[in-house]
C-alpha atoms as a PDB file:
ATOM      1  CA  UNK A   1     111.690 111.694  83.396  1.00  0.00           C
ATOM      2  CA  UNK A   2     111.380 109.982  86.769  1.00  0.00           C
ATOM      3  CA  UNK A   3     108.072 109.103  88.378  1.00  0.00           C
ATOM      4  CA  UNK A   4     108.135 108.580  92.131  1.00  0.00           C
ATOM      5  CA  UNK A   5     105.245 107.090  94.065  1.00  0.00           C
ATOM      6  CA  UNK A   6     104.879 107.141  97.824  1.00  0.00           C
ATOM      7  CA  UNK A   7     102.329 104.649  99.155  1.00  0.00           C
ATOM      8  CA  UNK A   8     101.066 105.338 102.664  1.00  0.00           C
ATOM      9  CA  UNK A   9      98.675 103.022 104.467  1.00  0.00           C
ATOM     10  CA  UNK A  10      95.972 104.598 106.580  1.00  0.00           C
ATOM     11  CA  UNK A  11      95.758 102.009 109.351  1.00  0.00           C
ATOM     12  CA  UNK A  12      97.514 103.108 112.539  1.00  0.00           C
ATOM     13  CA  UNK A  13     100.775 101.235 113.222  1.00  0.00           C
ATOM     14  CA  UNK A  14      99.676 100.232 116.739  1.00  0.00           C
ATOM     15  CA  UNK A  15      95.905  99.740 116.578  1.00  0.00           C
ATOM     16  CA  UNK A  16      95.932  98.355 113.003  1.00  0.00           C
ATOM     17  CA  UNK A  17      92.735 100.367 112.386  1.00  0.00           C
ATOM     18  CA  UNK A  18      92.098 103.570 110.449  1.00  0.00           C
ATOM     19  CA  UNK A  19      91.561 106.253 113.098  1.00  0.00           C
ATOM     20  CA  UNK A  20      90.240 109.132 110.967  1.00  0.00           C
ATOM     21  CA  UNK A  21      88.155 109.748 107.879  1.00  0.00           C
ATOM     22  CA  UNK A  22      90.075 109.288 104.615  1.00  0.00           C
ATOM     23  CA  UNK A  23      89.440 112.936 103.659  1.00  0.00           C
ATOM     24  CA  UNK A  24      91.458 114.069 106.682  1.00  0.00           C
ATOM     25  CA  UNK A  25      94.480 112.046 105.534  1.00  0.00           C
ATOM     26  CA  UNK A  26      94.120 113.423 101.991  1.00  0.00           C
ATOM     27  CA  UNK A  27      93.989 116.983 103.334  1.00  0.00           C
ATOM     28  CA  UNK A  28      97.167 116.391 105.369  1.00  0.00           C
ATOM     29  CA  UNK A  29      98.941 114.923 102.332  1.00  0.00           C
ATOM     30  CA  UNK A  30      97.914 117.919 100.201  1.00  0.00           C
ATOM     31  CA  UNK A  31      99.231 120.297 102.874  1.00  0.00           C
ATOM     32  CA  UNK A  32     102.562 118.431 103.043  1.00  0.00           C
ATOM     33  CA  UNK A  33     102.975 118.581  99.247  1.00  0.00           C
ATOM     34  CA  UNK A  34     102.094 122.267  99.202  1.00  0.00           C
ATOM     35  CA  UNK A  35     104.615 122.915 101.989  1.00  0.00           C
ATOM     36  CA  UNK A  36     107.366 121.310  99.886  1.00  0.00           C
ATOM     37  CA  UNK A  37     106.196 123.159  96.745  1.00  0.00           C
ATOM     38  CA  UNK A  38     105.762 119.995  94.676  1.00  0.00           C
ATOM     39  CA  UNK A  39     103.224 119.221  91.998  1.00  0.00           C
ATOM     40  CA  UNK A  40     101.451 115.940  92.661  1.00  0.00           C
ATOM     41  CA  UNK A  41      98.551 113.667  91.943  1.00  0.00           C
ATOM     42  CA  UNK A  42      97.166 110.909  94.118  1.00  0.00           C
ATOM     43  CA  UNK A  43      94.732 108.048  94.285  1.00  0.00           C
ATOM     44  CA  UNK A  44      93.065 106.321  97.198  1.00  0.00           C
ATOM     45  CA  UNK A  45      93.320 102.566  96.805  1.00  0.00           C
ATOM     46  CA  UNK A  46      92.351  99.470  98.748  1.00  0.00           C
ATOM     47  CA  UNK A  47      94.875  96.749  99.342  1.00  0.00           C
ATOM     48  CA  UNK A  48      96.247  94.139 101.655  1.00  0.00           C
ATOM     49  CA  UNK A  49      99.631  93.063 102.923  1.00  0.00           C
ATOM     50  CA  UNK A  50     101.337  90.845 105.477  1.00  0.00           C
ATOM     51  CA  UNK A  51     103.108  92.200 108.546  1.00  0.00           C
ATOM     52  CA  UNK A  52     106.519  90.765 109.388  1.00  0.00           C
ATOM     53  CA  UNK A  53     104.819  88.552 112.021  1.00  0.00           C
ATOM     54  CA  UNK A  54     102.560  87.043 109.337  1.00  0.00           C
ATOM     55  CA  UNK A  55      99.347  88.913 110.204  1.00  0.00           C
ATOM     56  CA  UNK A  56      97.324  89.886 107.134  1.00  0.00           C
ATOM     57  CA  UNK A  57      95.807  93.379 107.018  1.00  0.00           C
ATOM     58  CA  UNK A  58      93.505  95.133 104.552  1.00  0.00           C
ATOM     59  CA  UNK A  59      93.473  98.911 104.455  1.00  0.00           C
ATOM     60  CA  UNK A  60      93.048 102.032 102.395  1.00  0.00           C
ATOM     61  CA  UNK A  61      96.278 103.438 100.984  1.00  0.00           C
ATOM     62  CA  UNK A  62      97.127 106.860  99.592  1.00  0.00           C
ATOM     63  CA  UNK A  63      99.361 106.613  96.543  1.00  0.00           C
ATOM     64  CA  UNK A  64     101.101 109.914  95.903  1.00  0.00           C
ATOM     65  CA  UNK A  65     102.658 110.459  92.460  1.00  0.00           C
ATOM     66  CA  UNK A  66     105.464 112.966  91.835  1.00  0.00           C
ATOM     67  CA  UNK A  67     107.164 113.660  88.487  1.00  0.00           C
ATOM     68  CA  UNK A  68     110.835 114.637  88.559  1.00  0.00           C
ATOM     69  CA  UNK A  69     110.869 115.926  92.136  1.00  0.00           C
ATOM     70  CA  UNK A  70     113.982 117.598  93.500  1.00  0.00           C
ATOM     71  CA  UNK A  71     116.513 115.335  95.205  1.00  0.00           C
ATOM     72  CA  UNK A  72     115.945 114.936  98.924  1.00  0.00           C
ATOM     73  CA  UNK A  73     112.342 116.097  98.851  1.00  0.00           C
ATOM     74  CA  UNK A  74     110.925 112.608  98.305  1.00  0.00           C
ATOM     75  CA  UNK A  75     112.438 111.198 101.503  1.00  0.00           C
ATOM     76  CA  UNK A  76     111.401 114.288 103.467  1.00  0.00           C
ATOM     77  CA  UNK A  77     107.787 114.000 102.269  1.00  0.00           C
ATOM     78  CA  UNK A  78     107.763 110.255 102.957  1.00  0.00           C
ATOM     79  CA  UNK A  79     109.127 110.742 106.481  1.00  0.00           C
ATOM     80  CA  UNK A  80     106.559 113.449 107.224  1.00  0.00           C
ATOM     81  CA  UNK A  81     103.686 111.286 106.002  1.00  0.00           C
ATOM     82  CA  UNK A  82     105.025 108.289 107.913  1.00  0.00           C
ATOM     83  CA  UNK A  83     105.072 110.376 111.095  1.00  0.00           C
ATOM     84  CA  UNK A  84     101.773 112.211 110.578  1.00  0.00           C
ATOM     85  CA  UNK A  85      99.911 108.997 109.666  1.00  0.00           C
ATOM     86  CA  UNK A  86     101.623 106.988 112.459  1.00  0.00           C
ATOM     87  CA  UNK A  87     103.028 104.281 110.157  1.00  0.00           C
ATOM     88  CA  UNK A  88     105.809 101.731 110.635  1.00  0.00           C
ATOM     89  CA  UNK A  89     107.028 102.596 107.132  1.00  0.00           C
ATOM     90  CA  UNK A  90     105.908 103.868 103.720  1.00  0.00           C
ATOM     91  CA  UNK A  91     106.741 102.468 100.294  1.00  0.00           C
ATOM     92  CA  UNK A  92     108.631 104.543  97.714  1.00  0.00           C
ATOM     93  CA  UNK A  93     108.906 103.362  94.110  1.00  0.00           C
ATOM     94  CA  UNK A  94     110.880 105.008  91.329  1.00  0.00           C
ATOM     95  CA  UNK A  95     110.392 104.472  87.593  1.00  0.00           C
ATOM     96  CA  UNK A  96     111.699 106.017  84.406  1.00  0.00           C
ATOM     97  CA  UNK A  97     108.748 107.190  82.308  1.00  0.00           C
ATOM     98  CA  UNK A  98     108.153 109.014  79.045  1.00  0.00           C
ATOM     99  CA  UNK A  99     105.818 111.887  79.889  1.00  0.00           C
ATOM    100  CA  UNK A 100     104.596 114.708  77.664  1.00  0.00           C
ATOM    101  CA  UNK A 101     101.676 117.087  77.280  1.00  0.00           C
ATOM    102  CA  UNK A 102      99.265 117.405  74.366  1.00  0.00           C
ATOM    103  CA  UNK A 103      97.723 120.813  73.764  1.00  0.00           C
ATOM    104  CA  UNK A 104      94.762 121.797  71.683  1.00  0.00           C
ATOM    105  CA  UNK A 105      95.928 123.481  68.434  1.00  0.00           C
END
């Protein structure tokens, strides 16, 4: 099984500041996932990174997790979130995982 994560920073690409409440970004992400009919989970994390010019930035990041999504959907979701959240780019990671469910008796 393949696990895909899409990490989207919440600071605006131009102002380098978060413009809206985190809940608004989460609601947009949920709507995007629903529109593409994908099951998902997410976390809100804090992190930091360096811009290409060397500037260091700390920000909140939404990390969206998808298990075995259909081909092509990942890039479409990432592009939508990049646009809606006004980002320079978003990070996509892909990993092979062993996933299974446990049920009560």
